[in-house]
Amino acid sequence: MPQNQWDAQVYQQDVGFVPVLGRGVLELLDPAPGERILDLGCGDGALTKELVERGATVVGIDSSPEMVAAACNAGLDARVVDAGRLASLCASGALDLGTFDAVFTNAALHWIPQISEVTRGVRSLLGPRGRFVGEFGGHGNISTIGLALNAAAALHGNASPGRPFYLPTAAEFTAELAAAGFQVDNVEIFARPTPLPTGLRGWIRAFGGPFLADVALEQREAVIDTAIELARPWLADQAGQESADYVRLRFAASAPA
């Protein structure tokens, strides 16, 4: 998974819109009371809690101990699990979560380049007709922000980090789901420009770790300043409101009967 430092308080302050925008895919899941659901990449548990409030029994998993701690502090069943090893952990018996009626994921899969581990692992956790529903960054996501951070790193004498996220096309992700044994019900990609409550600096503070991992600590603020200067003309409106150039991939798949 791309390196990033997670802080639940920073997350809520700078990018608290993530679970809010995830409610659309929660409606696509359409959870029923009594269902057992896995929230993959649960973060601080904002959407996990909504699933519980709808009557589901929910287990959340996330690779970040800090975010899992925040979810547990909210009274949720959340566990530290590296989803980039999900299939291997399940197959070896090192992880025993039982069987689920559905697996839900929001804004998590773009952090996991080992996507086949995820899809095969999810498939192994679902019962017949079990649903896999989610949303994450698709092809073209944060192109302007990413280019600005890459260029800023290079301008300050650092190697360009490239594209540190998994951002597939609809066809690429459809093929991944099919290879894992899913029936693919729907995969769509759409643009969703998203206003940033604390601007580009807040977005970088929350999510920019993978772009800055190889930048010396004493250079990071200068690199961030340059990246914002490069990106702002393309991402700020006439009133100065900065937005992220998000492109989202939303999907629904199911296990065979």
Protein backbone atom coordinates (compact mmCIF):
# COMPACT_ATOMS: atom_id res chain seq x y z
CA MET A 1 0.00 0.00 0.00
CA PRO A 2 1.33 3.50 -0.74
CA GLN A 3 2.87 5.07 2.34
CA ASN A 4 0.71 7.56 4.19
CA GLN A 5 0.55 8.73 7.78
CA TRP A 6 -3.01 8.52 9.09
CA ASP A 7 -4.40 10.81 11.77
CA ALA A 8 -8.11 10.52 12.54
CA GLN A 9 -8.38 14.17 13.64
CA VAL A 10 -6.62 15.48 10.51
CA TYR A 11 -8.77 13.19 8.39
CA GLN A 12 -12.01 14.57 9.84
CA GLN A 13 -10.81 18.17 9.56
CA ASP A 14 -9.38 18.12 6.04
CA VAL A 15 -11.25 15.38 4.19
CA GLY A 16 -14.35 14.65 6.26
CA PHE A 17 -16.31 14.79 3.01
CA VAL A 18 -15.08 11.28 2.08
CA PRO A 19 -17.70 9.32 4.08
CA VAL A 20 -20.36 11.90 3.21
CA LEU A 21 -19.82 11.30 -0.50
CA GLY A 22 -19.68 7.56 0.16
CA ARG A 23 -23.34 7.48 1.15
CA GLY A 24 -24.30 7.11 -2.50
CA VAL A 25 -22.51 3.79 -2.77
CA LEU A 26 -23.98 2.76 0.59
CA GLU A 27 -27.40 3.17 -1.02
CA LEU A 28 -26.22 0.99 -3.91
CA LEU A 29 -25.32 -1.70 -1.36
CA ASP A 30 -28.84 -1.41 0.10
CA PRO A 31 -28.02 -3.22 3.36
CA ALA A 32 -30.78 -5.21 4.98
CA PRO A 33 -31.32 -5.68 8.72
CA GLY A 34 -29.64 -8.85 9.96
CA GLU A 35 -27.07 -9.04 7.16
CA ARG A 36 -23.44 -9.66 8.05
CA ILE A 37 -21.29 -7.09 6.24
CA LEU A 38 -17.54 -6.48 5.98
CA ASP A 39 -16.46 -2.85 5.64
CA LEU A 40 -13.12 -3.06 3.83
CA GLY A 41 -11.01 0.04 4.51
CA CYS A 42 -13.33 1.26 7.23
CA GLY A 43 -11.16 4.20 8.32
CA ASP A 44 -12.55 5.87 11.42
CA GLY A 45 -15.84 4.02 11.00
CA ALA A 46 -18.16 6.80 9.84
CA LEU A 47 -19.91 4.60 7.27
CA THR A 48 -19.45 1.45 9.34
CA LYS A 49 -21.62 3.11 11.98
CA GLU A 50 -24.32 3.88 9.41
CA LEU A 51 -24.39 0.22 8.36
CA VAL A 52 -24.80 -0.81 12.00
CA GLU A 53 -27.59 1.74 12.45
CA ARG A 54 -29.42 0.09 9.56
CA GLY A 55 -29.48 -3.19 11.45
CA ALA A 56 -26.50 -5.00 9.94
CA THR A 57 -23.82 -6.85 11.88
CA VAL A 58 -20.62 -5.20 10.65
CA VAL A 59 -16.91 -5.97 10.91
CA GLY A 60 -14.56 -3.20 9.78
CA ILE A 61 -10.98 -3.78 8.64
CA ASP A 62 -8.28 -1.24 7.89
CA SER A 63 -4.49 -1.28 7.67
CA SER A 64 -4.12 1.81 9.86
CA PRO A 65 -3.96 1.12 13.61
CA GLU A 66 -4.74 4.81 14.26
CA MET A 67 -7.94 4.72 12.22
CA VAL A 68 -9.00 1.36 13.64
CA ALA A 69 -8.50 2.76 17.14
CA ALA A 70 -10.82 5.66 16.28
CA ALA A 71 -13.44 3.22 14.99
CA CYS A 72 -13.16 1.05 18.10
CA ASN A 73 -13.46 4.14 20.29
CA ALA A 74 -16.79 4.77 18.54
CA GLY A 75 -17.99 1.36 19.73
CA LEU A 76 -17.49 -0.48 16.43
CA ASP A 77 -16.00 -3.91 15.71
CA ALA A 78 -12.89 -2.88 13.77
CA ARG A 79 -9.66 -4.79 13.25
CA VAL A 80 -6.22 -4.08 11.81
CA VAL A 81 -5.89 -6.10 8.60
CA ASP A 82 -3.69 -5.52 5.55
CA ALA A 83 -6.16 -5.96 2.68
CA GLY A 84 -3.20 -6.16 0.31
CA ARG A 85 -2.69 -9.67 1.73
CA LEU A 86 -6.35 -10.57 2.16
CA ALA A 87 -6.46 -13.64 -0.10
CA SER A 88 -3.23 -15.05 1.33
CA LEU A 89 -4.31 -14.44 4.93
CA CYS A 90 -7.66 -16.13 4.36
CA ALA A 91 -6.18 -19.08 2.47
CA SER A 92 -3.53 -19.73 5.13
CA GLY A 93 -6.01 -19.56 8.00
CA ALA A 94 -4.13 -16.64 9.55
CA LEU A 95 -7.31 -14.58 9.23
CA ASP A 96 -10.69 -16.09 10.08
CA LEU A 97 -13.51 -13.59 9.67
CA GLY A 98 -16.26 -16.05 8.77
CA THR A 99 -18.67 -15.61 5.87
CA PHE A 100 -20.42 -12.39 4.87
CA ASP A 101 -23.57 -11.49 2.98
CA ALA A 102 -21.83 -8.43 1.53
CA VAL A 103 -18.51 -6.61 1.41
CA PHE A 104 -18.63 -2.83 1.22
CA THR A 105 -15.70 -0.51 0.47
CA ASN A 106 -15.43 3.24 0.03
CA ALA A 107 -12.35 5.28 -0.96
CA ALA A 108 -9.95 2.47 -0.08
CA LEU A 109 -9.03 0.30 -3.06
CA HIS A 110 -6.92 2.98 -4.77
CA TRP A 111 -4.50 2.60 -1.82
CA ILE A 112 -3.98 -1.12 -2.56
CA PRO A 113 -1.90 -1.99 -5.65
CA GLN A 114 -2.22 -5.72 -4.86
CA ILE A 115 -5.77 -5.63 -6.15
CA SER A 116 -5.97 -9.34 -7.01
CA GLU A 117 -5.29 -10.13 -3.34
CA VAL A 118 -8.30 -8.00 -2.49
CA THR A 119 -10.74 -9.34 -5.06
CA ARG A 120 -9.82 -12.99 -4.48
CA GLY A 121 -9.90 -12.49 -0.72
CA VAL A 122 -13.32 -10.85 -0.86
CA ARG A 123 -14.64 -13.64 -3.06
CA SER A 124 -13.53 -16.21 -0.49
CA LEU A 125 -15.39 -14.37 2.27
CA LEU A 126 -18.75 -14.16 0.50
CA GLY A 127 -21.52 -16.70 0.60
CA PRO A 128 -23.66 -17.58 -2.47
CA ARG A 129 -25.06 -14.44 -4.11
CA GLY A 130 -22.96 -12.35 -1.73
CA ARG A 131 -22.47 -8.77 -2.89
CA PHE A 132 -19.26 -6.78 -3.38
CA VAL A 133 -20.09 -3.09 -3.71
CA GLY A 134 -17.86 -0.06 -3.55
CA GLU A 135 -16.29 3.08 -4.90
CA PHE A 136 -12.72 4.34 -5.22
CA GLY A 137 -10.48 6.43 -7.43
CA GLY A 138 -10.63 5.54 -11.10
CA HIS A 139 -8.48 6.30 -14.13
CA GLY A 140 -7.78 10.04 -14.29
CA ASN A 141 -8.35 10.62 -10.56
CA ILE A 142 -6.36 13.58 -9.11
CA SER A 143 -4.45 14.01 -12.40
CA THR A 144 -3.80 17.70 -11.79
CA ILE A 145 -2.88 17.29 -8.12
CA GLY A 146 -0.62 14.36 -8.93
CA LEU A 147 1.13 16.13 -11.80
CA ALA A 148 1.67 19.21 -9.62
CA LEU A 149 3.19 17.17 -6.79
CA ASN A 150 5.41 15.24 -9.20
CA ALA A 151 6.58 18.43 -10.88
CA ALA A 152 7.16 20.18 -7.55
CA ALA A 153 9.26 17.28 -6.28
CA ALA A 154 11.37 17.35 -9.45
CA LEU A 155 11.77 21.15 -9.36
CA HIS A 156 13.25 20.82 -5.87
CA GLY A 157 15.73 18.18 -7.00
CA ASN A 158 13.88 15.03 -6.02
CA ALA A 159 12.98 11.98 -8.07
CA SER A 160 9.43 12.08 -9.38
CA PRO A 161 7.28 9.60 -7.40
CA GLY A 162 5.12 8.79 -10.43
CA ARG A 163 1.56 7.56 -9.84
CA PRO A 164 1.48 5.91 -6.41
CA PHE A 165 -2.14 4.77 -6.54
CA TYR A 166 -4.14 2.00 -8.21
CA LEU A 167 -6.46 3.90 -10.58
CA PRO A 168 -7.92 1.49 -13.14
CA THR A 169 -10.20 2.01 -16.08
CA ALA A 170 -13.68 0.46 -15.93
CA ALA A 171 -12.52 -2.30 -18.30
CA GLU A 172 -9.44 -3.08 -16.20
CA PHE A 173 -11.38 -3.40 -12.97
CA THR A 174 -14.14 -5.41 -14.64
CA ALA A 175 -11.47 -7.89 -15.73
CA GLU A 176 -10.10 -8.08 -12.16
CA LEU A 177 -13.52 -8.87 -10.75
CA ALA A 178 -14.23 -11.50 -13.40
CA ALA A 179 -10.84 -13.14 -12.83
CA ALA A 180 -11.68 -13.48 -9.12
CA GLY A 181 -14.90 -15.30 -9.97
CA PHE A 182 -17.44 -12.52 -9.65
CA GLN A 183 -20.47 -11.83 -11.76
CA VAL A 184 -19.99 -8.16 -12.64
CA ASP A 185 -23.26 -6.29 -12.37
CA ASN A 186 -22.06 -2.74 -12.98
CA VAL A 187 -18.83 -0.75 -13.23
CA GLU A 188 -18.93 2.96 -14.02
CA ILE A 189 -16.46 5.85 -13.98
CA PHE A 190 -17.52 9.45 -13.49
CA ALA A 191 -15.95 12.81 -12.69
CA ARG A 192 -16.75 14.31 -9.31
CA PRO A 193 -14.92 17.63 -8.70
CA THR A 194 -14.90 17.95 -4.93
CA PRO A 195 -14.52 21.25 -3.02
CA LEU A 196 -11.83 21.02 -0.36
CA PRO A 197 -12.80 22.51 3.03
CA THR A 198 -9.18 23.30 3.93
CA GLY A 199 -7.91 23.68 0.37
CA LEU A 200 -5.18 21.83 -1.47
CA ARG A 201 -2.88 22.11 1.53
CA GLY A 202 -5.39 20.20 3.64
CA TRP A 203 -5.76 17.50 0.97
CA ILE A 204 -1.99 17.09 0.76
CA ARG A 205 -1.75 17.00 4.56
CA ALA A 206 -4.26 14.13 4.65
CA PHE A 207 -3.39 12.17 1.50
CA GLY A 208 -0.09 13.44 0.08
CA GLY A 209 2.24 11.07 1.92
CA PRO A 210 2.96 8.78 -1.05
CA PHE A 211 4.08 11.77 -3.14
CA LEU A 212 6.37 13.10 -0.41
CA ALA A 213 7.84 9.88 0.96
CA ASP A 214 11.25 10.44 -0.65
CA VAL A 215 11.38 14.21 -0.06
CA ALA A 216 13.61 15.30 2.82
CA LEU A 217 11.65 16.67 5.77
CA GLU A 218 13.29 20.10 5.46
CA GLN A 219 12.13 20.33 1.82
CA ARG A 220 8.55 19.18 2.19
CA GLU A 221 6.88 22.52 2.90
CA ALA A 222 8.67 24.08 -0.08
CA VAL A 223 7.56 21.21 -2.32
CA ILE A 224 3.98 21.54 -1.07
CA ASP A 225 4.02 25.31 -1.65
CA THR A 226 5.25 24.79 -5.22
CA ALA A 227 2.67 22.08 -5.92
CA ILE A 228 -0.15 24.32 -4.71
CA GLU A 229 1.14 27.18 -6.85
CA LEU A 230 1.16 24.90 -9.91
CA ALA A 231 -2.25 23.33 -9.30
CA ARG A 232 -4.26 26.30 -8.05
CA PRO A 233 -4.88 27.96 -11.47
CA TRP A 234 -6.51 24.72 -12.65
CA LEU A 235 -8.39 23.75 -9.50
CA ALA A 236 -9.56 27.02 -7.94
CA ASP A 237 -12.71 28.82 -9.03
CA GLN A 238 -13.06 32.61 -9.37
CA ALA A 239 -13.87 32.89 -5.67
CA GLY A 240 -10.68 31.03 -4.76
CA GLN A 241 -12.37 27.77 -3.71
CA GLU A 242 -9.99 24.89 -4.42
CA SER A 243 -11.34 21.50 -5.46
CA ALA A 244 -9.87 18.05 -5.98
CA ASP A 245 -10.16 16.72 -9.52
CA TYR A 246 -11.72 13.45 -8.48
CA VAL A 247 -12.72 10.69 -10.88
CA ARG A 248 -14.53 7.84 -9.16
CA LEU A 249 -15.08 4.21 -10.09
CA ARG A 250 -18.27 2.73 -8.63
CA PHE A 251 -19.03 -0.98 -8.92
CA ALA A 252 -21.39 -3.77 -7.92
CA ALA A 253 -20.57 -7.44 -8.31
CA SER A 254 -21.88 -10.67 -6.85
CA ALA A 255 -20.77 -14.21 -6.11
CA PRO A 256 -22.43 -17.01 -8.09
CA ALA A 257 -25.37 -18.81 -6.50
